[in-house]
Full PDB file with SEQRES, HELIX, SHEET, SSBOND, CRYST1, ORIGX, SCALE, CONECT and MASTER records, all heavy atoms in Angstrom:
SEQRES   1 A   35  HIS LEU ASP LEU ASP ASP GLY ARG TRP GLU ASP ILE HIS          
SEQRES   2 A   35  VAL VAL THR GLY ALA LEU LYS LEU PHE PHE ARG GLU LEU          
SEQRES   3 A   35  PRO GLU PRO LEU VAL PRO PHE SER HIS                          
HELIX    1 AA1 GLY A    7  TRP A    9  5                                   3    
HELIX    2 AA2 ILE A   12  ARG A   24  1                                  13    
CRYST1    1.000    1.000    1.000  90.00  90.00  90.00 P 1           1          
ORIGX1      1.000000  0.000000  0.000000        0.00000                         
ORIGX2      0.000000  1.000000  0.000000        0.00000                         
ORIGX3      0.000000  0.000000  1.000000        0.00000                         
SCALE1      1.000000  0.000000  0.000000        0.00000                         
SCALE2      0.000000  1.000000  0.000000        0.00000                         
SCALE3      0.000000  0.000000  1.000000        0.00000                         
ATOM      1  N   HIS A   1      -0.098  -1.432 -16.816  1.00  0.00           N  
ATOM      2  CA  HIS A   1      -0.682  -2.632 -16.164  1.00  0.00           C  
ATOM      3  C   HIS A   1      -0.576  -2.416 -14.666  1.00  0.00           C  
ATOM      4  O   HIS A   1       0.535  -2.142 -14.156  1.00  0.00           O  
ATOM      5  CB  HIS A   1       0.021  -3.877 -16.575  1.00  0.00           C  
ATOM      6  CG  HIS A   1      -0.508  -5.083 -15.800  1.00  0.00           C  
ATOM      7  ND1 HIS A   1      -1.674  -5.616 -16.016  1.00  0.00           N  
ATOM      8  CD2 HIS A   1       0.123  -5.785 -14.742  1.00  0.00           C  
ATOM      9  CE1 HIS A   1      -1.920  -6.634 -15.174  1.00  0.00           C  
ATOM     10  NE2 HIS A   1      -0.819  -6.747 -14.403  1.00  0.00           N  
ATOM     11  N   LEU A   2      -1.669  -2.514 -13.969  1.00  0.00           N  
ATOM     12  CA  LEU A   2      -1.644  -2.345 -12.499  1.00  0.00           C  
ATOM     13  C   LEU A   2      -1.882  -3.668 -11.817  1.00  0.00           C  
ATOM     14  O   LEU A   2      -2.742  -4.441 -12.172  1.00  0.00           O  
ATOM     15  CB  LEU A   2      -2.784  -1.365 -12.066  1.00  0.00           C  
ATOM     16  CG  LEU A   2      -2.606   0.101 -12.534  1.00  0.00           C  
ATOM     17  CD1 LEU A   2      -3.880   0.870 -12.042  1.00  0.00           C  
ATOM     18  CD2 LEU A   2      -1.390   0.751 -11.929  1.00  0.00           C  
ATOM     19  N   ASP A   3      -0.997  -3.970 -10.865  1.00  0.00           N  
ATOM     20  CA  ASP A   3      -1.181  -5.182 -10.064  1.00  0.00           C  
ATOM     21  C   ASP A   3      -2.032  -4.809  -8.837  1.00  0.00           C  
ATOM     22  O   ASP A   3      -1.504  -4.208  -7.907  1.00  0.00           O  
ATOM     23  CB  ASP A   3       0.209  -5.674  -9.663  1.00  0.00           C  
ATOM     24  CG  ASP A   3       0.100  -6.929  -8.807  1.00  0.00           C  
ATOM     25  OD1 ASP A   3      -1.009  -7.512  -8.681  1.00  0.00           O  
ATOM     26  OD2 ASP A   3       1.144  -7.298  -8.258  1.00  0.00           O  
ATOM     27  N   LEU A   4      -3.352  -5.109  -8.933  1.00  0.00           N  
ATOM     28  CA  LEU A   4      -4.200  -4.725  -7.816  1.00  0.00           C  
ATOM     29  C   LEU A   4      -3.957  -5.531  -6.519  1.00  0.00           C  
ATOM     30  O   LEU A   4      -4.485  -5.201  -5.495  1.00  0.00           O  
ATOM     31  CB  LEU A   4      -5.618  -4.880  -8.200  1.00  0.00           C  
ATOM     32  CG  LEU A   4      -6.085  -3.896  -9.339  1.00  0.00           C  
ATOM     33  CD1 LEU A   4      -7.558  -4.147  -9.746  1.00  0.00           C  
ATOM     34  CD2 LEU A   4      -5.849  -2.444  -8.895  1.00  0.00           C  
ATOM     35  N   ASP A   5      -3.056  -6.577  -6.652  1.00  0.00           N  
ATOM     36  CA  ASP A   5      -2.682  -7.305  -5.426  1.00  0.00           C  
ATOM     37  C   ASP A   5      -1.533  -6.613  -4.722  1.00  0.00           C  
ATOM     38  O   ASP A   5      -1.165  -7.027  -3.594  1.00  0.00           O  
ATOM     39  CB  ASP A   5      -2.259  -8.780  -5.802  1.00  0.00           C  
ATOM     40  CG  ASP A   5      -3.479  -9.636  -6.246  1.00  0.00           C  
ATOM     41  OD1 ASP A   5      -4.631  -9.390  -5.705  1.00  0.00           O  
ATOM     42  OD2 ASP A   5      -3.314 -10.419  -7.146  1.00  0.00           O  
ATOM     43  N   ASP A   6      -0.929  -5.607  -5.316  1.00  0.00           N  
ATOM     44  CA  ASP A   6       0.104  -4.841  -4.727  1.00  0.00           C  
ATOM     45  C   ASP A   6      -0.423  -4.222  -3.435  1.00  0.00           C  
ATOM     46  O   ASP A   6      -1.509  -3.694  -3.411  1.00  0.00           O  
ATOM     47  CB  ASP A   6       0.588  -3.713  -5.657  1.00  0.00           C  
ATOM     48  CG  ASP A   6       1.742  -2.977  -5.234  1.00  0.00           C  
ATOM     49  OD1 ASP A   6       1.853  -2.715  -3.948  1.00  0.00           O  
ATOM     50  OD2 ASP A   6       2.598  -2.533  -6.020  1.00  0.00           O  
ATOM     51  N   GLY A   7       0.346  -4.221  -2.370  1.00  0.00           N  
ATOM     52  CA  GLY A   7      -0.103  -3.731  -1.070  1.00  0.00           C  
ATOM     53  C   GLY A   7      -0.555  -2.285  -1.035  1.00  0.00           C  
ATOM     54  O   GLY A   7      -1.360  -1.867  -0.217  1.00  0.00           O  
ATOM     55  N   ARG A   8      -0.048  -1.468  -1.880  1.00  0.00           N  
ATOM     56  CA  ARG A   8      -0.459  -0.049  -1.949  1.00  0.00           C  
ATOM     57  C   ARG A   8      -1.867   0.182  -2.275  1.00  0.00           C  
ATOM     58  O   ARG A   8      -2.424   1.227  -2.002  1.00  0.00           O  
ATOM     59  CB  ARG A   8       0.466   0.761  -2.775  1.00  0.00           C  
ATOM     60  CG  ARG A   8       0.348   0.477  -4.254  1.00  0.00           C  
ATOM     61  CD  ARG A   8       1.346   1.209  -5.110  1.00  0.00           C  
ATOM     62  NE  ARG A   8       1.444   0.587  -6.412  1.00  0.00           N  
ATOM     63  CZ  ARG A   8       1.941   1.205  -7.480  1.00  0.00           C  
ATOM     64  NH1 ARG A   8       2.404   2.356  -7.339  1.00  0.00           N  
ATOM     65  NH2 ARG A   8       2.018   0.588  -8.597  1.00  0.00           N  
ATOM     66  N   TRP A   9      -2.547  -0.802  -2.827  1.00  0.00           N  
ATOM     67  CA  TRP A   9      -3.981  -0.715  -3.156  1.00  0.00           C  
ATOM     68  C   TRP A   9      -4.899  -1.182  -2.099  1.00  0.00           C  
ATOM     69  O   TRP A   9      -6.117  -1.162  -2.226  1.00  0.00           O  
ATOM     70  CB  TRP A   9      -4.230  -1.429  -4.453  1.00  0.00           C  
ATOM     71  CG  TRP A   9      -3.414  -0.948  -5.625  1.00  0.00           C  
ATOM     72  CD1 TRP A   9      -2.470  -1.623  -6.287  1.00  0.00           C  
ATOM     73  CD2 TRP A   9      -3.542   0.333  -6.225  1.00  0.00           C  
ATOM     74  NE1 TRP A   9      -1.902  -0.827  -7.272  1.00  0.00           N  
ATOM     75  CE2 TRP A   9      -2.555   0.362  -7.270  1.00  0.00           C  
ATOM     76  CE3 TRP A   9      -4.385   1.437  -6.024  1.00  0.00           C  
ATOM     77  CZ2 TRP A   9      -2.394   1.494  -8.065  1.00  0.00           C  
ATOM     78  CZ3 TRP A   9      -4.115   2.532  -6.883  1.00  0.00           C  
ATOM     79  CH2 TRP A   9      -3.187   2.581  -7.847  1.00  0.00           C  
ATOM     80  N   GLU A  10      -4.299  -1.595  -0.950  1.00  0.00           N  
ATOM     81  CA  GLU A  10      -5.123  -2.071   0.157  1.00  0.00           C  
ATOM     82  C   GLU A  10      -5.871  -0.962   0.888  1.00  0.00           C  
ATOM     83  O   GLU A  10      -6.929  -1.157   1.460  1.00  0.00           O  
ATOM     84  CB  GLU A  10      -4.297  -2.917   1.183  1.00  0.00           C  
ATOM     85  CG  GLU A  10      -3.830  -4.225   0.618  1.00  0.00           C  
ATOM     86  CD  GLU A  10      -2.995  -4.981   1.582  1.00  0.00           C  
ATOM     87  OE1 GLU A  10      -2.969  -4.635   2.735  1.00  0.00           O  
ATOM     88  OE2 GLU A  10      -2.345  -5.969   1.127  1.00  0.00           O  
ATOM     89  N   ASP A  11      -5.342   0.243   0.836  1.00  0.00           N  
ATOM     90  CA  ASP A  11      -5.940   1.347   1.479  1.00  0.00           C  
ATOM     91  C   ASP A  11      -7.101   1.825   0.624  1.00  0.00           C  
ATOM     92  O   ASP A  11      -6.969   2.331  -0.477  1.00  0.00           O  
ATOM     93  CB  ASP A  11      -4.937   2.535   1.694  1.00  0.00           C  
ATOM     94  CG  ASP A  11      -5.547   3.705   2.395  1.00  0.00           C  
ATOM     95  OD1 ASP A  11      -6.769   3.734   2.691  1.00  0.00           O  
ATOM     96  OD2 ASP A  11      -4.778   4.687   2.631  1.00  0.00           O  
ATOM     97  N   ILE A  12      -8.320   1.698   1.179  1.00  0.00           N  
ATOM     98  CA  ILE A  12      -9.548   1.976   0.417  1.00  0.00           C  
ATOM     99  C   ILE A  12      -9.576   3.427  -0.026  1.00  0.00           C  
ATOM    100  O   ILE A  12     -10.124   3.812  -1.084  1.00  0.00           O  
ATOM    101  CB  ILE A  12     -10.799   1.590   1.157  1.00  0.00           C  
ATOM    102  CG1 ILE A  12     -12.040   1.601   0.324  1.00  0.00           C  
ATOM    103  CG2 ILE A  12     -11.005   2.470   2.387  1.00  0.00           C  
ATOM    104  CD1 ILE A  12     -12.073   0.612  -0.774  1.00  0.00           C  
ATOM    105  N   HIS A  13      -8.919   4.276   0.717  1.00  0.00           N  
ATOM    106  CA  HIS A  13      -8.952   5.705   0.406  1.00  0.00           C  
ATOM    107  C   HIS A  13      -8.155   6.033  -0.915  1.00  0.00           C  
ATOM    108  O   HIS A  13      -8.451   6.977  -1.639  1.00  0.00           O  
ATOM    109  CB  HIS A  13      -8.417   6.596   1.578  1.00  0.00           C  
ATOM    110  CG  HIS A  13      -9.273   6.353   2.833  1.00  0.00           C  
ATOM    111  ND1 HIS A  13     -10.542   6.920   2.903  1.00  0.00           N  
ATOM    112  CD2 HIS A  13      -9.018   5.729   3.965  1.00  0.00           C  
ATOM    113  CE1 HIS A  13     -11.000   6.557   4.068  1.00  0.00           C  
ATOM    114  NE2 HIS A  13     -10.157   5.872   4.700  1.00  0.00           N  
ATOM    115  N   VAL A  14      -7.107   5.236  -1.113  1.00  0.00           N  
ATOM    116  CA  VAL A  14      -6.308   5.325  -2.332  1.00  0.00           C  
ATOM    117  C   VAL A  14      -7.221   4.997  -3.562  1.00  0.00           C  
ATOM    118  O   VAL A  14      -7.281   5.746  -4.528  1.00  0.00           O  
ATOM    119  CB  VAL A  14      -5.052   4.437  -2.317  1.00  0.00           C  
ATOM    120  CG1 VAL A  14      -4.376   4.460  -3.668  1.00  0.00           C  
ATOM    121  CG2 VAL A  14      -4.079   4.930  -1.202  1.00  0.00           C  
ATOM    122  N   VAL A  15      -7.913   3.937  -3.456  1.00  0.00           N  
ATOM    123  CA  VAL A  15      -8.770   3.404  -4.524  1.00  0.00           C  
ATOM    124  C   VAL A  15      -9.940   4.416  -4.760  1.00  0.00           C  
ATOM    125  O   VAL A  15     -10.223   4.812  -5.926  1.00  0.00           O  
ATOM    126  CB  VAL A  15      -9.261   2.010  -4.303  1.00  0.00           C  
ATOM    127  CG1 VAL A  15     -10.238   1.563  -5.370  1.00  0.00           C  
ATOM    128  CG2 VAL A  15      -8.159   1.013  -4.129  1.00  0.00           C  
ATOM    129  N   THR A  16     -10.662   4.805  -3.714  1.00  0.00           N  
ATOM    130  CA  THR A  16     -11.709   5.746  -3.861  1.00  0.00           C  
ATOM    131  C   THR A  16     -11.256   7.091  -4.370  1.00  0.00           C  
ATOM    132  O   THR A  16     -11.929   7.689  -5.163  1.00  0.00           O  
ATOM    133  CB  THR A  16     -12.535   5.883  -2.553  1.00  0.00           C  
ATOM    134  OG1 THR A  16     -11.663   6.284  -1.489  1.00  0.00           O  
ATOM    135  CG2 THR A  16     -13.209   4.553  -2.160  1.00  0.00           C  
ATOM    136  N   GLY A  17     -10.103   7.535  -3.860  1.00  0.00           N  
ATOM    137  CA  GLY A  17      -9.589   8.815  -4.329  1.00  0.00           C  
ATOM    138  C   GLY A  17      -9.258   8.731  -5.839  1.00  0.00           C  
ATOM    139  O   GLY A  17      -9.483   9.702  -6.541  1.00  0.00           O  
ATOM    140  N   ALA A  18      -8.709   7.642  -6.285  1.00  0.00           N  
ATOM    141  CA  ALA A  18      -8.393   7.455  -7.646  1.00  0.00           C  
ATOM    142  C   ALA A  18      -9.623   7.490  -8.549  1.00  0.00           C  
ATOM    143  O   ALA A  18      -9.637   8.089  -9.626  1.00  0.00           O  
ATOM    144  CB  ALA A  18      -7.604   6.150  -7.900  1.00  0.00           C  
ATOM    145  N   LEU A  19     -10.696   6.806  -8.070  1.00  0.00           N  
ATOM    146  CA  LEU A  19     -11.981   6.859  -8.784  1.00  0.00           C  
ATOM    147  C   LEU A  19     -12.527   8.243  -8.938  1.00  0.00           C  
ATOM    148  O   LEU A  19     -12.906   8.692 -10.039  1.00  0.00           O  
ATOM    149  CB  LEU A  19     -12.955   5.917  -8.064  1.00  0.00           C  
ATOM    150  CG  LEU A  19     -14.393   5.886  -8.738  1.00  0.00           C  
ATOM    151  CD1 LEU A  19     -14.261   5.179 -10.084  1.00  0.00           C  
ATOM    152  CD2 LEU A  19     -15.407   5.116  -7.818  1.00  0.00           C  
ATOM    153  N   LYS A  20     -12.577   8.913  -7.809  1.00  0.00           N  
ATOM    154  CA  LYS A  20     -13.099  10.317  -7.884  1.00  0.00           C  
ATOM    155  C   LYS A  20     -12.195  11.206  -8.749  1.00  0.00           C  
ATOM    156  O   LYS A  20     -12.686  11.993  -9.554  1.00  0.00           O  
ATOM    157  CB  LYS A  20     -13.199  10.887  -6.435  1.00  0.00           C  
ATOM    158  CG  LYS A  20     -13.815  12.203  -6.413  1.00  0.00           C  
ATOM    159  CD  LYS A  20     -13.970  12.789  -5.004  1.00  0.00           C  
ATOM    160  CE  LYS A  20     -14.405  14.236  -5.051  1.00  0.00           C  
ATOM    161  NZ  LYS A  20     -14.218  14.890  -3.824  1.00  0.00           N  
ATOM    162  N   LEU A  21     -10.888  11.071  -8.669  1.00  0.00           N  
ATOM    163  CA  LEU A  21      -9.956  11.833  -9.451  1.00  0.00           C  
ATOM    164  C   LEU A  21     -10.187  11.511 -10.955  1.00  0.00           C  
ATOM    165  O   LEU A  21     -10.170  12.476 -11.765  1.00  0.00           O  
ATOM    166  CB  LEU A  21      -8.553  11.529  -9.091  1.00  0.00           C  
ATOM    167  CG  LEU A  21      -7.441  12.295  -9.884  1.00  0.00           C  
ATOM    168  CD1 LEU A  21      -7.548  13.777  -9.626  1.00  0.00           C  
ATOM    169  CD2 LEU A  21      -6.029  11.760  -9.503  1.00  0.00           C  
ATOM    170  N   PHE A  22     -10.356  10.288 -11.312  1.00  0.00           N  
ATOM    171  CA  PHE A  22     -10.660   9.901 -12.698  1.00  0.00           C  
ATOM    172  C   PHE A  22     -11.859  10.677 -13.258  1.00  0.00           C  
ATOM    173  O   PHE A  22     -11.738  11.289 -14.279  1.00  0.00           O  
ATOM    174  CB  PHE A  22     -10.900   8.399 -12.830  1.00  0.00           C  
ATOM    175  CG  PHE A  22     -11.407   7.998 -14.154  1.00  0.00           C  
ATOM    176  CD1 PHE A  22     -10.601   7.839 -15.176  1.00  0.00           C  
ATOM    177  CD2 PHE A  22     -12.786   7.779 -14.357  1.00  0.00           C  
ATOM    178  CE1 PHE A  22     -11.052   7.464 -16.513  1.00  0.00           C  
ATOM    179  CE2 PHE A  22     -13.291   7.432 -15.611  1.00  0.00           C  
ATOM    180  CZ  PHE A  22     -12.418   7.317 -16.692  1.00  0.00           C  
ATOM    181  N   PHE A  23     -12.927  10.706 -12.528  1.00  0.00           N  
ATOM    182  CA  PHE A  23     -14.118  11.408 -12.983  1.00  0.00           C  
ATOM    183  C   PHE A  23     -13.946  12.936 -12.981  1.00  0.00           C  
ATOM    184  O   PHE A  23     -14.439  13.601 -13.851  1.00  0.00           O  
ATOM    185  CB  PHE A  23     -15.362  11.037 -12.176  1.00  0.00           C  
ATOM    186  CG  PHE A  23     -15.917   9.635 -12.579  1.00  0.00           C  
ATOM    187  CD1 PHE A  23     -15.646   8.535 -11.794  1.00  0.00           C  
ATOM    188  CD2 PHE A  23     -16.607   9.501 -13.749  1.00  0.00           C  
ATOM    189  CE1 PHE A  23     -16.164   7.305 -12.211  1.00  0.00           C  
ATOM    190  CE2 PHE A  23     -17.073   8.299 -14.163  1.00  0.00           C  
ATOM    191  CZ  PHE A  23     -16.804   7.147 -13.357  1.00  0.00           C  
ATOM    192  N   ARG A  24     -13.186  13.403 -11.993  1.00  0.00           N  
ATOM    193  CA  ARG A  24     -12.988  14.880 -11.948  1.00  0.00           C  
ATOM    194  C   ARG A  24     -12.097  15.417 -13.079  1.00  0.00           C  
ATOM    195  O   ARG A  24     -12.203  16.477 -13.556  1.00  0.00           O  
ATOM    196  CB  ARG A  24     -12.368  15.309 -10.587  1.00  0.00           C  
ATOM    197  CG  ARG A  24     -12.304  16.741 -10.415  1.00  0.00           C  
ATOM    198  CD  ARG A  24     -11.849  17.201  -9.044  1.00  0.00           C  
ATOM    199  NE  ARG A  24     -10.630  16.561  -8.579  1.00  0.00           N  
ATOM    200  CZ  ARG A  24     -10.495  15.785  -7.532  1.00  0.00           C  
ATOM    201  NH1 ARG A  24     -11.517  15.502  -6.745  1.00  0.00           N  
ATOM    202  NH2 ARG A  24      -9.337  15.276  -7.168  1.00  0.00           N  
ATOM    203  N   GLU A  25     -11.149  14.479 -13.520  1.00  0.00           N  
ATOM    204  CA  GLU A  25     -10.212  14.910 -14.548  1.00  0.00           C  
ATOM    205  C   GLU A  25     -10.721  14.670 -15.984  1.00  0.00           C  
ATOM    206  O   GLU A  25      -9.979  15.068 -16.915  1.00  0.00           O  
ATOM    207  CB  GLU A  25      -8.862  14.126 -14.340  1.00  0.00           C  
ATOM    208  CG  GLU A  25      -8.136  14.517 -13.043  1.00  0.00           C  
ATOM    209  CD  GLU A  25      -7.694  15.939 -13.074  1.00  0.00           C  
ATOM    210  OE1 GLU A  25      -7.151  16.428 -14.072  1.00  0.00           O  
ATOM    211  OE2 GLU A  25      -7.844  16.664 -11.981  1.00  0.00           O  
ATOM    212  N   LEU A  26     -11.860  14.100 -16.166  1.00  0.00           N  
ATOM    213  CA  LEU A  26     -12.372  13.923 -17.519  1.00  0.00           C  
ATOM    214  C   LEU A  26     -12.549  15.311 -18.161  1.00  0.00           C  
ATOM    215  O   LEU A  26     -12.982  16.227 -17.485  1.00  0.00           O  
ATOM    216  CB  LEU A  26     -13.724  13.187 -17.508  1.00  0.00           C  
ATOM    217  CG  LEU A  26     -13.729  11.720 -17.088  1.00  0.00           C  
ATOM    218  CD1 LEU A  26     -15.195  11.241 -16.958  1.00  0.00           C  
ATOM    219  CD2 LEU A  26     -13.011  10.921 -18.145  1.00  0.00           C  
ATOM    220  N   PRO A  27     -12.295  15.397 -19.461  1.00  0.00           N  
ATOM    221  CA  PRO A  27     -12.469  16.714 -20.138  1.00  0.00           C  
ATOM    222  C   PRO A  27     -13.922  17.188 -20.068  1.00  0.00           C  
ATOM    223  O   PRO A  27     -14.184  18.402 -19.987  1.00  0.00           O  
ATOM    224  CB  PRO A  27     -12.068  16.425 -21.566  1.00  0.00           C  
ATOM    225  CG  PRO A  27     -11.431  15.072 -21.585  1.00  0.00           C  
ATOM    226  CD  PRO A  27     -11.793  14.364 -20.309  1.00  0.00           C  
ATOM    227  N   GLU A  28     -14.856  16.242 -20.131  1.00  0.00           N  
ATOM    228  CA  GLU A  28     -16.250  16.575 -19.939  1.00  0.00           C  
ATOM    229  C   GLU A  28     -16.756  15.670 -18.837  1.00  0.00           C  
ATOM    230  O   GLU A  28     -16.469  14.482 -18.877  1.00  0.00           O  
ATOM    231  CB  GLU A  28     -17.010  16.403 -21.276  1.00  0.00           C  
ATOM    232  CG  GLU A  28     -18.458  16.766 -21.132  1.00  0.00           C  
ATOM    233  CD  GLU A  28     -19.152  16.865 -22.501  1.00  0.00           C  
ATOM    234  OE1 GLU A  28     -19.111  15.933 -23.306  1.00  0.00           O  
ATOM    235  OE2 GLU A  28     -19.768  17.903 -22.713  1.00  0.00           O  
ATOM    236  N   PRO A  29     -17.520  16.111 -17.921  1.00  0.00           N  
ATOM    237  CA  PRO A  29     -18.053  15.337 -16.849  1.00  0.00           C  
ATOM    238  C   PRO A  29     -18.963  14.156 -17.352  1.00  0.00           C  
ATOM    239  O   PRO A  29     -19.429  14.178 -18.476  1.00  0.00           O  
ATOM    240  CB  PRO A  29     -18.770  16.244 -15.952  1.00  0.00           C  
ATOM    241  CG  PRO A  29     -18.997  17.517 -16.705  1.00  0.00           C  
ATOM    242  CD  PRO A  29     -18.093  17.537 -17.861  1.00  0.00           C  
ATOM    243  N   LEU A  30     -19.240  13.235 -16.443  1.00  0.00           N  
ATOM    244  CA  LEU A  30     -20.176  12.163 -16.774  1.00  0.00           C  
ATOM    245  C   LEU A  30     -21.507  12.666 -17.260  1.00  0.00           C  
ATOM    246  O   LEU A  30     -22.033  12.153 -18.223  1.00  0.00           O  
ATOM    247  CB  LEU A  30     -20.365  11.238 -15.542  1.00  0.00           C  
ATOM    248  CG  LEU A  30     -21.160   9.943 -15.798  1.00  0.00           C  
ATOM    249  CD1 LEU A  30     -20.502   9.084 -16.795  1.00  0.00           C  
ATOM    250  CD2 LEU A  30     -21.322   9.208 -14.462  1.00  0.00           C  
ATOM    251  N   VAL A  31     -22.024  13.701 -16.610  1.00  0.00           N  
ATOM    252  CA  VAL A  31     -23.206  14.363 -17.141  1.00  0.00           C  
ATOM    253  C   VAL A  31     -22.643  15.510 -18.044  1.00  0.00           C  
ATOM    254  O   VAL A  31     -22.025  16.438 -17.522  1.00  0.00           O  
ATOM    255  CB  VAL A  31     -24.081  14.964 -16.025  1.00  0.00           C  
ATOM    256  CG1 VAL A  31     -25.191  15.838 -16.668  1.00  0.00           C  
ATOM    257  CG2 VAL A  31     -24.665  13.873 -15.218  1.00  0.00           C  
ATOM    258  N   PRO A  32     -22.779  15.407 -19.371  1.00  0.00           N  
ATOM    259  CA  PRO A  32     -22.166  16.372 -20.262  1.00  0.00           C  
ATOM    260  C   PRO A  32     -22.602  17.776 -19.944  1.00  0.00           C  
ATOM    261  O   PRO A  32     -23.698  18.022 -19.441  1.00  0.00           O  
ATOM    262  CB  PRO A  32     -22.643  15.882 -21.676  1.00  0.00           C  
ATOM    263  CG  PRO A  32     -23.021  14.489 -21.500  1.00  0.00           C  
ATOM    264  CD  PRO A  32     -23.503  14.360 -20.093  1.00  0.00           C  
ATOM    265  N   PHE A  33     -21.752  18.757 -20.317  1.00  0.00           N  
ATOM    266  CA  PHE A  33     -22.064  20.150 -20.069  1.00  0.00           C  
ATOM    267  C   PHE A  33     -23.419  20.492 -20.717  1.00  0.00           C  
ATOM    268  O   PHE A  33     -24.168  21.251 -20.131  1.00  0.00           O  
ATOM    269  CB  PHE A  33     -20.998  21.049 -20.692  1.00  0.00           C  
ATOM    270  CG  PHE A  33     -19.628  20.917 -20.030  1.00  0.00           C  
ATOM    271  CD1 PHE A  33     -18.485  20.664 -20.746  1.00  0.00           C  
ATOM    272  CD2 PHE A  33     -19.516  21.079 -18.635  1.00  0.00           C  
ATOM    273  CE1 PHE A  33     -17.267  20.504 -20.112  1.00  0.00           C  
ATOM    274  CE2 PHE A  33     -18.303  20.962 -18.029  1.00  0.00           C  
ATOM    275  CZ  PHE A  33     -17.192  20.638 -18.768  1.00  0.00           C  
ATOM    276  N   SER A  34     -23.684  19.938 -21.884  1.00  0.00           N  
ATOM    277  CA  SER A  34     -24.949  20.263 -22.565  1.00  0.00           C  
ATOM    278  C   SER A  34     -26.220  19.783 -21.778  1.00  0.00           C  
ATOM    279  O   SER A  34     -27.314  20.237 -22.018  1.00  0.00           O  
ATOM    280  CB  SER A  34     -24.986  19.512 -23.927  1.00  0.00           C  
ATOM    281  OG  SER A  34     -24.951  18.139 -23.757  1.00  0.00           O  
ATOM    282  N   HIS A  35     -26.042  18.843 -20.805  1.00  0.00           N  
ATOM    283  CA  HIS A  35     -27.153  18.357 -20.000  1.00  0.00           C  
ATOM    284  C   HIS A  35     -27.219  19.032 -18.610  1.00  0.00           C  
ATOM    285  O   HIS A  35     -28.194  18.805 -17.897  1.00  0.00           O  
ATOM    286  CB  HIS A  35     -27.005  16.871 -19.825  1.00  0.00           C  
ATOM    287  CG  HIS A  35     -27.425  16.137 -21.071  1.00  0.00           C  
ATOM    288  ND1 HIS A  35     -26.680  16.189 -22.233  1.00  0.00           N  
ATOM    289  CD2 HIS A  35     -28.475  15.251 -21.324  1.00  0.00           C  
ATOM    290  CE1 HIS A  35     -27.311  15.351 -23.133  1.00  0.00           C  
ATOM    291  NE2 HIS A  35     -28.324  14.805 -22.631  1.00  0.00           N  
TER     292      HIS A  35                                                      
MASTER        0    0    0    2    0    0    0    6  291    1    0    3          
END                                                                             
């Protein structure tokens, strides 16, 4: 459970970095290898 009101989430770079990291770390990308 993440408390998004926690001050560490105020830095937009942390949030955007986490979003990009999430997609980069997926076993298969959003556009599947087959595509």
